[in-house]
C-alpha atoms as a PDB file:
ATOM      1  CA  MET A   1     108.145 116.496  93.709  1.00  0.00           C
ATOM      2  CA  SER A   2     111.496 118.140  95.931  1.00  0.00           C
ATOM      3  CA  THR A   3     114.243 115.309  96.924  1.00  0.00           C
ATOM      4  CA  THR A   4     115.725 117.540  99.660  1.00  0.00           C
ATOM      5  CA  VAL A   5     114.011 117.394 103.204  1.00  0.00           C
ATOM      6  CA  SER A   6     114.725 119.497 106.127  1.00  0.00           C
ATOM      7  CA  LYS A   7     117.230 119.304 108.743  1.00  0.00           C
ATOM      8  CA  GLU A   8     114.762 119.214 111.498  1.00  0.00           C
ATOM      9  CA  LEU A   9     113.145 116.067 110.211  1.00  0.00           C
ATOM     10  CA  ARG A  10     116.342 114.254 109.738  1.00  0.00           C
ATOM     11  CA  ARG A  11     117.073 115.354 112.801  1.00  0.00           C
ATOM     12  CA  GLU A  12     113.916 113.906 114.299  1.00  0.00           C
ATOM     13  CA  VAL A  13     113.922 110.629 112.903  1.00  0.00           C
ATOM     14  CA  LEU A  14     117.374 109.677 113.503  1.00  0.00           C
ATOM     15  CA  GLU A  15     116.647 110.570 117.202  1.00  0.00           C
ATOM     16  CA  ALA A  16     113.551 108.342 117.050  1.00  0.00           C
ATOM     17  CA  ASN A  17     115.325 105.305 115.869  1.00  0.00           C
ATOM     18  CA  LEU A  18     118.053 106.067 118.703  1.00  0.00           C
ATOM     19  CA  ARG A  19     115.325 105.879 121.228  1.00  0.00           C
ATOM     20  CA  ILE A  20     114.426 102.204 120.078  1.00  0.00           C
ATOM     21  CA  PRO A  21     117.113 100.421 121.651  1.00  0.00           C
ATOM     22  CA  ARG A  22     117.427 102.472 124.514  1.00  0.00           C
ATOM     23  CA  ALA A  23     113.476 102.001 125.176  1.00  0.00           C
ATOM     24  CA  GLY A  24     114.549  98.568 124.949  1.00  0.00           C
ATOM     25  CA  LEU A  25     112.330  97.671 121.943  1.00  0.00           C
ATOM     26  CA  ALA A  26     114.678  96.361 119.892  1.00  0.00           C
ATOM     27  CA  THR A  27     117.271  93.232 119.617  1.00  0.00           C
ATOM     28  CA  LEU A  28     120.156  94.030 116.927  1.00  0.00           C
ATOM     29  CA  THR A  29     118.862  96.102 114.232  1.00  0.00           C
ATOM     30  CA  TRP A  30     115.164  94.925 114.280  1.00  0.00           C
ATOM     31  CA  GLY A  31     113.148  97.981 114.629  1.00  0.00           C
ATOM     32  CA  ASN A  32     113.026 101.334 111.995  1.00  0.00           C
ATOM     33  CA  VAL A  33     111.003 104.885 112.576  1.00  0.00           C
ATOM     34  CA  SER A  34     109.985 106.978 109.449  1.00  0.00           C
ATOM     35  CA  GLY A  35     108.830 110.546 109.382  1.00  0.00           C
ATOM     36  CA  VAL A  36     107.195 112.226 106.654  1.00  0.00           C
ATOM     37  CA  ASP A  37     106.786 115.459 104.665  1.00  0.00           C
ATOM     38  CA  ARG A  38     103.516 115.653 102.907  1.00  0.00           C
ATOM     39  CA  GLN A  39     104.198 118.959 101.135  1.00  0.00           C
ATOM     40  CA  ALA A  40     107.471 117.231  99.609  1.00  0.00           C
ATOM     41  CA  GLY A  41     105.900 114.035  98.565  1.00  0.00           C
ATOM     42  CA  VAL A  42     108.894 112.218 100.529  1.00  0.00           C
ATOM     43  CA  PHE A  43     109.702 110.300 103.926  1.00  0.00           C
ATOM     44  CA  VAL A  44     112.746 109.745 105.818  1.00  0.00           C
ATOM     45  CA  ILE A  45     113.312 106.413 107.035  1.00  0.00           C
ATOM     46  CA  LYS A  46     116.311 103.872 108.686  1.00  0.00           C
ATOM     47  CA  PRO A  47     118.381 102.299 106.334  1.00  0.00           C
ATOM     48  CA  SER A  48     118.257  98.343 106.079  1.00  0.00           C
ATOM     49  CA  GLY A  49     120.725  96.809 108.606  1.00  0.00           C
ATOM     50  CA  VAL A  50     122.379  99.428 109.850  1.00  0.00           C
ATOM     51  CA  PRO A  51     123.337  99.304 113.670  1.00  0.00           C
ATOM     52  CA  TYR A  52     122.011 102.086 116.137  1.00  0.00           C
ATOM     53  CA  ASP A  53     125.520 102.468 117.495  1.00  0.00           C
ATOM     54  CA  VAL A  54     126.712 104.036 114.276  1.00  0.00           C
ATOM     55  CA  LEU A  55     123.699 105.363 112.482  1.00  0.00           C
ATOM     56  CA  SER A  56     123.841 109.364 111.759  1.00  0.00           C
ATOM     57  CA  GLU A  57     121.587 111.420 109.717  1.00  0.00           C
ATOM     58  CA  GLU A  58     123.755 110.820 106.567  1.00  0.00           C
ATOM     59  CA  ASP A  59     122.804 107.733 106.564  1.00  0.00           C
ATOM     60  CA  LEU A  60     118.688 108.231 106.362  1.00  0.00           C
ATOM     61  CA  VAL A  61     116.855 107.193 103.176  1.00  0.00           C
ATOM     62  CA  VAL A  62     114.575 109.596 101.473  1.00  0.00           C
ATOM     63  CA  VAL A  63     111.770 107.817  99.717  1.00  0.00           C
ATOM     64  CA  SER A  64     109.354 108.952  97.318  1.00  0.00           C
ATOM     65  CA  LEU A  65     105.736 108.529  98.668  1.00  0.00           C
ATOM     66  CA  SER A  66     104.257 108.380  95.398  1.00  0.00           C
ATOM     67  CA  ASP A  67     106.283 105.660  94.255  1.00  0.00           C
ATOM     68  CA  GLY A  68     108.690 104.102  96.454  1.00  0.00           C
ATOM     69  CA  ARG A  69     112.216 105.323  94.966  1.00  0.00           C
ATOM     70  CA  VAL A  70     114.770 106.168  96.665  1.00  0.00           C
ATOM     71  CA  VAL A  71     115.225 109.716  95.697  1.00  0.00           C
ATOM     72  CA  ASP A  72     117.923 110.351  98.127  1.00  0.00           C
ATOM     73  CA  GLY A  73     120.446 108.497 100.178  1.00  0.00           C
ATOM     74  CA  HIS A  74     123.894 106.241  99.647  1.00  0.00           C
ATOM     75  CA  LEU A  75     121.776 102.954 101.186  1.00  0.00           C
ATOM     76  CA  ARG A  76     118.979 100.304 100.709  1.00  0.00           C
ATOM     77  CA  PRO A  77     116.159 101.757 102.962  1.00  0.00           C
ATOM     78  CA  SER A  78     114.462  99.667 105.383  1.00  0.00           C
ATOM     79  CA  THR A  79     113.117  96.123 104.481  1.00  0.00           C
ATOM     80  CA  ASP A  80     109.407  97.681 105.796  1.00  0.00           C
ATOM     81  CA  THR A  81     109.724 101.120 103.765  1.00  0.00           C
ATOM     82  CA  GLU A  82     106.702  99.811 101.874  1.00  0.00           C
ATOM     83  CA  THR A  83     104.775  99.107 105.137  1.00  0.00           C
ATOM     84  CA  HIS A  84     105.640 103.066 106.089  1.00  0.00           C
ATOM     85  CA  ARG A  85     104.477 104.064 102.326  1.00  0.00           C
ATOM     86  CA  SER A  86     100.916 102.175 102.444  1.00  0.00           C
ATOM     87  CA  LEU A  87     100.153 103.765 106.088  1.00  0.00           C
ATOM     88  CA  TYR A  88     101.084 106.608 104.880  1.00  0.00           C
ATOM     89  CA  LEU A  89      98.872 106.627 101.581  1.00  0.00           C
ATOM     90  CA  ALA A  90      95.961 105.468 103.545  1.00  0.00           C
ATOM     91  CA  PHE A  91      96.161 107.585 106.511  1.00  0.00           C
ATOM     92  CA  PRO A  92      96.715 111.086 105.788  1.00  0.00           C
ATOM     93  CA  SER A  93      96.955 112.434 109.335  1.00  0.00           C
ATOM     94  CA  ILE A  94      99.833 110.210 109.891  1.00  0.00           C
ATOM     95  CA  GLY A  95     103.124 111.805 110.070  1.00  0.00           C
ATOM     96  CA  GLY A  96     105.146 108.834 111.558  1.00  0.00           C
ATOM     97  CA  VAL A  97     105.657 105.297 111.670  1.00  0.00           C
ATOM     98  CA  THR A  98     107.156 102.826 114.123  1.00  0.00           C
ATOM     99  CA  HIS A  99     108.067  99.084 113.637  1.00  0.00           C
ATOM    100  CA  THR A 100     109.608  97.005 116.289  1.00  0.00           C
ATOM    101  CA  HIS A 101     109.816  93.432 117.459  1.00  0.00           C
ATOM    102  CA  SER A 102     109.573  94.333 121.256  1.00  0.00           C
ATOM    103  CA  THR A 103     108.954  91.141 123.362  1.00  0.00           C
ATOM    104  CA  HIS A 104     105.407  91.351 124.804  1.00  0.00           C
ATOM    105  CA  ALA A 105     103.847  93.005 121.509  1.00  0.00           C
ATOM    106  CA  VAL A 106     105.711  90.272 119.407  1.00  0.00           C
ATOM    107  CA  ALA A 107     103.728  87.860 121.680  1.00  0.00           C
ATOM    108  CA  PHE A 108     100.314  89.057 121.167  1.00  0.00           C
ATOM    109  CA  ALA A 109     101.003  88.781 117.548  1.00  0.00           C
ATOM    110  CA  GLN A 110     102.846  85.801 117.202  1.00  0.00           C
ATOM    111  CA  ALA A 111      99.299  84.249 119.046  1.00  0.00           C
ATOM    112  CA  ARG A 112      97.184  86.136 116.819  1.00  0.00           C
ATOM    113  CA  ARG A 113      95.376  87.914 120.011  1.00  0.00           C
ATOM    114  CA  PRO A 114      94.830  91.621 120.525  1.00  0.00           C
ATOM    115  CA  ILE A 115      96.058  93.533 123.371  1.00  0.00           C
ATOM    116  CA  PRO A 116      93.243  93.595 125.414  1.00  0.00           C
ATOM    117  CA  VAL A 117      91.992  96.917 127.255  1.00  0.00           C
ATOM    118  CA  LEU A 118      92.324  95.712 131.276  1.00  0.00           C
ATOM    119  CA  GLY A 119      93.024  99.053 132.790  1.00  0.00           C
ATOM    120  CA  THR A 120      93.602 102.942 132.344  1.00  0.00           C
ATOM    121  CA  THR A 121      97.281 102.597 131.106  1.00  0.00           C
ATOM    122  CA  HIS A 122      95.903 101.163 128.082  1.00  0.00           C
ATOM    123  CA  ALA A 123      92.816 103.553 127.397  1.00  0.00           C
ATOM    124  CA  ASP A 124      94.891 106.629 127.785  1.00  0.00           C
ATOM    125  CA  THR A 125      96.325 106.054 124.558  1.00  0.00           C
ATOM    126  CA  PHE A 126      94.570 103.651 122.749  1.00  0.00           C
ATOM    127  CA  ASN A 127      90.617 103.797 122.322  1.00  0.00           C
ATOM    128  CA  GLY A 128      89.790  99.912 122.194  1.00  0.00           C
ATOM    129  CA  PRO A 129      92.097  96.567 121.978  1.00  0.00           C
ATOM    130  CA  VAL A 130      95.147  96.997 120.058  1.00  0.00           C
ATOM    131  CA  PRO A 131      93.765  94.806 117.033  1.00  0.00           C
ATOM    132  CA  VAL A 132      95.525  92.203 115.098  1.00  0.00           C
ATOM    133  CA  THR A 133      95.608  91.943 111.448  1.00  0.00           C
ATOM    134  CA  GLU A 134      94.362  88.595 109.285  1.00  0.00           C
ATOM    135  CA  VAL A 135      97.042  86.255 107.808  1.00  0.00           C
ATOM    136  CA  LEU A 136      98.946  87.318 104.703  1.00  0.00           C
ATOM    137  CA  THR A 137      97.652  85.156 102.176  1.00  0.00           C
ATOM    138  CA  PRO A 138     100.260  83.160  99.905  1.00  0.00           C
ATOM    139  CA  GLN A 139      99.644  85.891  97.107  1.00  0.00           C
ATOM    140  CA  GLN A 140      99.825  88.453  99.604  1.00  0.00           C
ATOM    141  CA  CYS A 141     103.540  86.854 100.556  1.00  0.00           C
ATOM    142  CA  ALA A 142     104.834  86.291  97.073  1.00  0.00           C
ATOM    143  CA  GLU A 143     104.139  89.703  95.148  1.00  0.00           C
ATOM    144  CA  ASP A 144     104.679  93.172  97.435  1.00  0.00           C
ATOM    145  CA  TYR A 145     104.929  91.265 100.742  1.00  0.00           C
ATOM    146  CA  GLU A 146     105.717  94.432 102.778  1.00  0.00           C
ATOM    147  CA  TYR A 147     103.431  96.424 100.742  1.00  0.00           C
ATOM    148  CA  ASN A 148     100.895  93.903 101.244  1.00  0.00           C
ATOM    149  CA  THR A 149     101.994  93.731 104.899  1.00  0.00           C
ATOM    150  CA  GLY A 150     100.625  97.621 105.331  1.00  0.00           C
ATOM    151  CA  GLU A 151      97.645  96.963 103.513  1.00  0.00           C
ATOM    152  CA  VAL A 152      96.391  94.313 105.868  1.00  0.00           C
ATOM    153  CA  ILE A 153      96.832  97.070 108.338  1.00  0.00           C
ATOM    154  CA  VAL A 154      94.584  99.321 106.708  1.00  0.00           C
ATOM    155  CA  ASP A 155      91.997  97.207 105.793  1.00  0.00           C
ATOM    156  CA  LEU A 156      91.846  96.042 109.638  1.00  0.00           C
ATOM    157  CA  LEU A 157      91.246  99.550 110.327  1.00  0.00           C
ATOM    158  CA  ASP A 158      88.420  99.810 107.558  1.00  0.00           C
ATOM    159  CA  ARG A 159      91.329 102.548 105.726  1.00  0.00           C
ATOM    160  CA  ASP A 160      89.542 104.891 108.229  1.00  0.00           C
ATOM    161  CA  ASP A 161      91.979 107.602 109.558  1.00  0.00           C
ATOM    162  CA  THR A 162      89.560 108.947 112.119  1.00  0.00           C
ATOM    163  CA  ARG A 163      89.740 105.306 113.540  1.00  0.00           C
ATOM    164  CA  ALA A 164      93.675 105.086 112.701  1.00  0.00           C
ATOM    165  CA  GLY A 165      93.893 108.354 115.240  1.00  0.00           C
ATOM    166  CA  LYS A 166      91.940 106.647 118.418  1.00  0.00           C
ATOM    167  CA  ILE A 167      93.967 103.210 118.018  1.00  0.00           C
ATOM    168  CA  PRO A 168      97.677 104.304 117.069  1.00  0.00           C
ATOM    169  CA  GLY A 169      98.965 101.043 116.623  1.00  0.00           C
ATOM    170  CA  ALA A 170      98.232  97.246 115.838  1.00  0.00           C
ATOM    171  CA  LEU A 171      99.480  94.095 115.640  1.00  0.00           C
ATOM    172  CA  VAL A 172     100.517  92.202 112.709  1.00  0.00           C
ATOM    173  CA  ALA A 173      99.549  88.419 112.941  1.00  0.00           C
ATOM    174  CA  HIS A 174     102.804  86.342 113.178  1.00  0.00           C
ATOM    175  CA  HIS A 175     105.160  89.314 113.169  1.00  0.00           C
ATOM    176  CA  GLY A 176     104.817  92.411 115.323  1.00  0.00           C
ATOM    177  CA  PRO A 177     103.747  95.993 116.067  1.00  0.00           C
ATOM    178  CA  PHE A 178     103.945  98.849 113.953  1.00  0.00           C
ATOM    179  CA  THR A 179     102.388 102.439 115.505  1.00  0.00           C
ATOM    180  CA  TRP A 180     102.128 105.880 114.280  1.00  0.00           C
ATOM    181  CA  GLY A 181     101.400 109.172 115.231  1.00  0.00           C
ATOM    182  CA  ALA A 182     101.288 112.939 114.462  1.00  0.00           C
ATOM    183  CA  ASP A 183     105.229 113.050 113.978  1.00  0.00           C
ATOM    184  CA  ALA A 184     108.010 110.524 113.836  1.00  0.00           C
ATOM    185  CA  THR A 185     108.203 111.051 117.761  1.00  0.00           C
ATOM    186  CA  LYS A 186     104.662 110.651 118.396  1.00  0.00           C
ATOM    187  CA  SER A 187     104.895 107.245 116.436  1.00  0.00           C
ATOM    188  CA  LEU A 188     107.924 106.004 118.907  1.00  0.00           C
ATOM    189  CA  GLU A 189     106.370 106.994 122.031  1.00  0.00           C
ATOM    190  CA  HIS A 190     103.250 104.702 120.844  1.00  0.00           C
ATOM    191  CA  ALA A 191     105.562 102.103 120.276  1.00  0.00           C
ATOM    192  CA  ILE A 192     107.103 102.287 123.995  1.00  0.00           C
ATOM    193  CA  ILE A 193     103.360 102.546 124.785  1.00  0.00           C
ATOM    194  CA  CYS A 194     102.367  99.326 123.070  1.00  0.00           C
ATOM    195  CA  GLU A 195     104.958  97.288 124.349  1.00  0.00           C
ATOM    196  CA  ALA A 196     104.346  98.357 127.986  1.00  0.00           C
ATOM    197  CA  VAL A 197     100.263  97.479 128.007  1.00  0.00           C
ATOM    198  CA  ALA A 198     101.199  94.243 126.013  1.00  0.00           C
ATOM    199  CA  GLU A 199     103.721  93.600 129.124  1.00  0.00           C
ATOM    200  CA  MET A 200     100.852  94.738 131.364  1.00  0.00           C
ATOM    201  CA  ALA A 201      97.940  92.565 129.875  1.00  0.00           C
ATOM    202  CA  LEU A 202     100.114  89.769 129.878  1.00  0.00           C
ATOM    203  CA  HIS A 203     100.790  89.924 133.991  1.00  0.00           C
ATOM    204  CA  THR A 204      97.309  90.668 134.254  1.00  0.00           C
ATOM    205  CA  LEU A 205      95.684  87.764 132.281  1.00  0.00           C
ATOM    206  CA  ALA A 206      98.344  85.021 134.148  1.00  0.00           C
ATOM    207  CA  LEU A 207      96.700  86.354 137.629  1.00  0.00           C
ATOM    208  CA  GLY A 208      93.042  86.311 136.057  1.00  0.00           C
ATOM    209  CA  ALA A 209      91.888  89.326 134.422  1.00  0.00           C
ATOM    210  CA  VAL A 210      88.545  91.050 135.181  1.00  0.00           C
ATOM    211  CA  GLU A 211      86.933  93.569 132.564  1.00  0.00           C
ATOM    212  CA  PRO A 212      87.290  97.156 133.561  1.00  0.00           C
ATOM    213  CA  PRO A 213      83.912  99.449 133.553  1.00  0.00           C
ATOM    214  CA  GLN A 214      83.746 101.166 129.567  1.00  0.00           C
ATOM    215  CA  HIS A 215      83.044 104.119 131.286  1.00  0.00           C
ATOM    216  CA  LEU A 216      86.242 104.615 133.368  1.00  0.00           C
ATOM    217  CA  LEU A 217      88.071 103.451 129.972  1.00  0.00           C
ATOM    218  CA  ASP A 218      86.193 106.537 127.949  1.00  0.00           C
ATOM    219  CA  ARG A 219      87.059 108.623 130.867  1.00  0.00           C
ATOM    220  CA  HIS A 220      90.858 108.125 130.671  1.00  0.00           C
ATOM    221  CA  PHE A 221      90.758 108.210 126.821  1.00  0.00           C
ATOM    222  CA  THR A 222      88.882 111.452 126.524  1.00  0.00           C
ATOM    223  CA  ARG A 223      91.168 113.406 129.334  1.00  0.00           C
ATOM    224  CA  LYS A 224      93.936 113.290 126.747  1.00  0.00           C
ATOM    225  CA  HIS A 225      92.244 112.944 123.473  1.00  0.00           C
ATOM    226  CA  GLY A 226      89.427 115.078 121.604  1.00  0.00           C
ATOM    227  CA  PRO A 227      88.036 118.593 122.359  1.00  0.00           C
ATOM    228  CA  ASP A 228      87.859 117.973 126.004  1.00  0.00           C
ATOM    229  CA  ALA A 229      91.048 116.758 126.547  1.00  0.00           C
ATOM    230  CA  TYR A 230      92.901 118.800 129.667  1.00  0.00           C
ATOM    231  CA  TYR A 231      95.950 116.087 130.285  1.00  0.00           C
ATOM    232  CA  GLY A 232      99.105 118.198 130.387  1.00  0.00           C
ATOM    233  CA  ASN A 233     100.087 121.449 129.655  1.00  0.00           C
ATOM    234  CA  PRO A 234     100.764 123.638 126.361  1.00  0.00           C
ATOM    235  CA  SER A 235     104.138 123.997 125.705  1.00  0.00           C
ATOM    236  CA  THR A 236     106.223 127.146 126.683  1.00  0.00           C
ATOM    237  CA  GLY A 237     108.858 126.973 124.212  1.00  0.00           C
END
Protein backbone atom coordinates (compact mmCIF):
# COMPACT_ATOMS: atom_id res chain seq x y z
CA MET A 1 0.00 0.00 0.00
CA SER A 2 1.30 3.44 -0.94
CA THR A 3 1.19 6.14 1.75
CA THR A 4 1.30 8.91 -0.84
CA VAL A 5 -1.57 10.34 -2.85
CA SER A 6 -1.59 12.53 -5.89
CA LYS A 7 -1.45 16.29 -5.71
CA GLU A 8 -4.67 16.33 -7.74
CA LEU A 9 -6.58 14.31 -5.12
CA ARG A 10 -5.32 16.48 -2.29
CA ARG A 11 -6.31 19.60 -4.21
CA GLU A 12 -9.76 18.23 -5.00
CA VAL A 13 -10.45 17.21 -1.39
CA LEU A 14 -9.25 20.58 -0.11
CA GLU A 15 -11.42 22.52 -2.55
CA ALA A 16 -14.46 20.39 -1.76
CA ASN A 17 -14.00 21.05 1.95
CA LEU A 18 -13.58 24.78 1.37
CA ARG A 19 -16.86 24.82 -0.57
CA ILE A 20 -18.82 23.53 2.47
CA PRO A 21 -19.05 26.93 4.22
CA ARG A 22 -19.35 28.80 0.91
CA ALA A 23 -22.43 26.71 0.13
CA GLY A 24 -23.91 27.45 3.55
CA LEU A 25 -23.74 23.81 4.63
CA ALA A 26 -21.83 24.20 7.87
CA THR A 27 -21.59 26.24 11.04
CA LEU A 28 -18.09 26.52 12.51
CA THR A 29 -16.26 23.28 11.49
CA TRP A 30 -19.32 21.03 11.22
CA GLY A 31 -18.58 19.18 8.01
CA ASN A 32 -15.99 17.13 6.14
CA VAL A 33 -15.24 15.72 2.71
CA SER A 34 -12.99 12.83 1.75
CA GLY A 35 -11.74 11.33 -1.50
CA VAL A 36 -10.42 7.80 -2.04
CA ASP A 37 -7.50 6.41 -4.02
CA ARG A 38 -8.50 2.76 -4.30
CA GLN A 39 -5.36 1.72 -6.15
CA ALA A 40 -3.24 3.04 -3.29
CA GLY A 41 -5.66 1.70 -0.68
CA VAL A 42 -6.06 5.06 1.09
CA PHE A 43 -8.38 8.03 1.36
CA VAL A 44 -7.79 11.71 2.11
CA ILE A 45 -9.95 13.54 4.63
CA LYS A 46 -10.22 16.83 6.50
CA PRO A 47 -8.52 16.96 9.90
CA SER A 48 -10.67 17.19 13.00
CA GLY A 49 -11.79 20.63 14.14
CA VAL A 50 -9.60 22.73 11.81
CA PRO A 51 -11.41 25.92 10.67
CA TYR A 52 -12.00 26.11 6.94
CA ASP A 53 -10.38 29.53 6.61
CA VAL A 54 -6.98 28.17 7.65
CA LEU A 55 -7.24 24.70 6.09
CA SER A 56 -4.43 23.77 3.68
CA GLU A 57 -3.43 20.77 1.60
CA GLU A 58 -0.69 19.99 4.13
CA ASP A 59 -3.33 19.67 6.88
CA LEU A 60 -5.23 16.90 5.10
CA VAL A 61 -4.86 13.41 6.55
CA VAL A 62 -4.29 10.20 4.59
CA VAL A 63 -5.95 7.12 6.10
CA SER A 64 -5.62 3.43 5.29
CA LEU A 65 -8.77 2.05 3.70
CA SER A 66 -8.19 -1.43 5.11
CA ASP A 67 -7.75 -0.66 8.81
CA GLY A 68 -8.24 3.08 9.41
CA ARG A 69 -4.64 3.86 10.36
CA VAL A 70 -3.29 7.32 9.66
CA VAL A 71 -0.51 6.78 7.14
CA ASP A 72 0.31 10.40 6.34
CA GLY A 73 -0.42 13.68 8.09
CA HIS A 74 0.49 15.58 11.25
CA LEU A 75 -3.08 16.12 12.54
CA ARG A 76 -5.85 13.83 13.72
CA PRO A 77 -8.40 13.04 11.01
CA SER A 78 -12.07 13.96 11.24
CA THR A 79 -13.98 12.17 13.97
CA ASP A 80 -16.25 10.92 11.15
CA THR A 81 -13.37 9.15 9.40
CA GLU A 82 -14.57 5.66 10.26
CA THR A 83 -18.00 6.43 8.84
CA HIS A 84 -16.38 7.41 5.54
CA ARG A 85 -14.28 4.23 5.61
CA SER A 86 -17.35 2.05 6.18
CA LEU A 87 -19.05 3.57 3.14
CA TYR A 88 -15.98 3.12 0.93
CA LEU A 89 -15.66 -0.52 1.92
CA ALA A 90 -19.34 -1.26 1.30
CA PHE A 91 -19.78 0.61 -1.99
CA PRO A 92 -16.90 0.06 -4.44
CA SER A 93 -18.24 2.56 -7.00
CA ILE A 94 -18.01 5.64 -4.80
CA GLY A 95 -14.95 7.87 -4.83
CA GLY A 96 -15.91 10.62 -2.39
CA VAL A 97 -17.98 11.13 0.76
CA THR A 98 -19.36 14.33 2.31
CA HIS A 99 -20.91 14.85 5.74
CA THR A 100 -22.49 18.11 6.89
CA HIS A 101 -24.90 19.42 9.49
CA SER A 102 -26.87 21.52 7.02
CA THR A 103 -29.98 22.94 8.66
CA HIS A 104 -32.88 21.59 6.61
CA ALA A 105 -31.47 18.12 6.00
CA VAL A 106 -30.68 17.84 9.70
CA ALA A 107 -34.27 18.82 10.50
CA PHE A 108 -35.49 15.75 8.60
CA ALA A 109 -32.82 13.58 10.27
CA GLN A 110 -33.81 14.79 13.73
CA ALA A 111 -37.47 14.12 12.96
CA ARG A 112 -36.47 10.68 11.62
CA ARG A 113 -38.30 11.39 8.39
CA PRO A 114 -36.97 10.71 4.89
CA ILE A 115 -36.88 13.66 2.51
CA PRO A 116 -39.84 12.92 0.23
CA VAL A 117 -39.78 13.25 -3.55
CA LEU A 118 -42.15 16.16 -4.15
CA GLY A 119 -40.91 17.39 -7.50
CA THR A 120 -38.50 17.15 -10.37
CA THR A 121 -35.63 19.00 -8.67
CA HIS A 122 -35.33 16.14 -6.21
CA ALA A 123 -35.82 13.48 -8.92
CA ASP A 124 -32.97 14.90 -11.00
CA THR A 125 -30.49 13.45 -8.49
CA PHE A 126 -32.21 11.06 -6.08
CA ASN A 127 -34.20 8.18 -7.55
CA GLY A 128 -36.53 8.08 -4.56
CA PRO A 129 -36.73 9.67 -1.11
CA VAL A 130 -33.51 10.45 0.73
CA PRO A 131 -33.86 7.68 3.33
CA VAL A 132 -33.29 7.85 7.07
CA THR A 133 -31.52 5.18 9.10
CA GLU A 134 -32.57 3.31 12.20
CA VAL A 135 -31.35 4.74 15.50
CA LEU A 136 -28.03 3.30 16.63
CA THR A 137 -28.32 0.86 19.53
CA PRO A 138 -26.60 1.44 22.88
CA GLN A 139 -24.00 -1.17 21.92
CA GLN A 140 -23.37 0.48 18.53
CA CYS A 141 -22.82 3.80 20.29
CA ALA A 142 -20.56 2.32 22.96
CA GLU A 143 -18.24 0.45 20.59
CA ASP A 144 -16.98 1.65 17.20
CA TYR A 145 -19.61 4.40 17.13
CA GLU A 146 -18.39 6.17 13.99
CA TYR A 147 -17.89 2.95 12.02
CA ASN A 148 -21.35 1.77 13.10
CA THR A 149 -22.76 5.08 11.89
CA GLY A 150 -21.59 4.07 8.44
CA GLU A 151 -22.92 0.56 8.90
CA VAL A 152 -26.49 1.72 9.60
CA ILE A 153 -26.33 3.61 6.28
CA VAL A 154 -24.94 0.54 4.53
CA ASP A 155 -27.68 -1.65 6.02
CA LEU A 156 -30.31 0.92 5.03
CA LEU A 157 -29.25 0.48 1.39
CA ASP A 158 -28.98 -3.32 1.72
CA ARG A 159 -25.25 -3.12 0.96
CA ASP A 160 -26.29 -2.59 -2.65
CA ASP A 161 -23.74 -0.61 -4.66
CA THR A 162 -26.21 -0.08 -7.51
CA ARG A 163 -28.78 1.35 -5.13
CA ALA A 164 -26.16 3.64 -3.62
CA GLY A 165 -25.55 4.99 -7.12
CA LYS A 166 -29.21 5.85 -7.57
CA ILE A 167 -29.69 7.34 -4.11
CA PRO A 168 -26.37 9.07 -3.37
CA GLY A 169 -27.16 10.11 0.18
CA ALA A 170 -28.87 9.19 3.43
CA LEU A 171 -29.85 10.77 6.71
CA VAL A 172 -28.51 9.28 9.93
CA ALA A 173 -31.31 9.45 12.49
CA HIS A 174 -30.92 12.35 14.95
CA HIS A 175 -27.58 13.23 13.30
CA GLY A 176 -27.50 14.47 9.73
CA PRO A 177 -26.80 13.80 6.06
CA PHE A 178 -24.02 11.79 4.47
CA THR A 179 -23.71 11.94 0.69
CA TRP A 180 -21.36 10.28 -1.77
CA GLY A 181 -20.43 10.28 -5.43
CA ALA A 182 -17.91 9.31 -8.07
CA ASP A 183 -15.36 11.64 -6.49
CA ALA A 184 -15.03 14.17 -3.68
CA THR A 185 -16.43 17.00 -5.81
CA LYS A 186 -19.52 15.02 -6.77
CA SER A 187 -20.16 13.99 -3.17
CA LEU A 188 -20.12 17.66 -2.16
CA GLU A 189 -22.50 18.55 -5.00
CA HIS A 190 -24.88 15.88 -3.74
CA ALA A 191 -24.71 17.42 -0.25
CA ILE A 192 -25.63 20.81 -1.72
CA ILE A 193 -28.55 19.24 -3.59
CA CYS A 194 -29.66 17.28 -0.52
CA GLU A 195 -29.89 20.47 1.51
CA ALA A 196 -31.68 22.34 -1.28
CA VAL A 197 -34.36 19.67 -1.75
CA ALA A 198 -34.79 19.36 2.03
CA GLU A 199 -35.53 23.08 2.23
CA MET A 200 -37.94 22.87 -0.71
CA ALA A 201 -39.66 19.86 0.86
CA LEU A 202 -40.21 21.65 4.16
CA HIS A 203 -41.84 24.60 2.38
CA THR A 204 -43.94 22.28 0.21
CA LEU A 205 -45.10 20.23 3.18
CA ALA A 206 -46.09 23.43 4.96
CA LEU A 207 -48.26 24.41 2.00
CA GLY A 208 -49.75 20.96 1.61
CA ALA A 209 -47.87 18.54 -0.61
CA VAL A 210 -49.39 16.89 -3.66
CA GLU A 211 -47.64 13.68 -4.69
CA PRO A 212 -46.15 14.02 -8.20
CA PRO A 213 -46.75 11.32 -10.82
CA GLN A 214 -44.05 8.63 -10.91
CA HIS A 215 -43.63 8.81 -14.69
CA LEU A 216 -42.60 12.47 -14.37
CA LEU A 217 -40.05 11.69 -11.65
CA ASP A 218 -38.66 8.77 -13.64
CA ARG A 219 -38.26 10.94 -16.71
CA HIS A 220 -36.23 13.52 -14.82
CA PHE A 221 -33.92 10.95 -13.25
CA THR A 222 -33.23 9.20 -16.55
CA ARG A 223 -32.50 12.51 -18.30
CA LYS A 224 -29.34 12.74 -16.18
CA HIS A 225 -28.52 9.12 -15.34
CA GLY A 226 -28.21 5.81 -17.13
CA PRO A 227 -27.56 4.81 -20.75
CA ASP A 228 -30.14 7.19 -22.22
CA ALA A 229 -29.06 10.30 -20.30
CA TYR A 230 -28.83 13.44 -22.40
CA TYR A 231 -28.51 16.31 -19.90
CA GLY A 232 -25.41 18.52 -20.20
CA ASN A 233 -22.49 18.45 -22.60
CA PRO A 234 -19.27 16.44 -22.75
CA SER A 235 -16.23 18.09 -21.24
CA THR A 236 -14.22 20.17 -23.67
CA GLY A 237 -11.13 19.81 -21.50
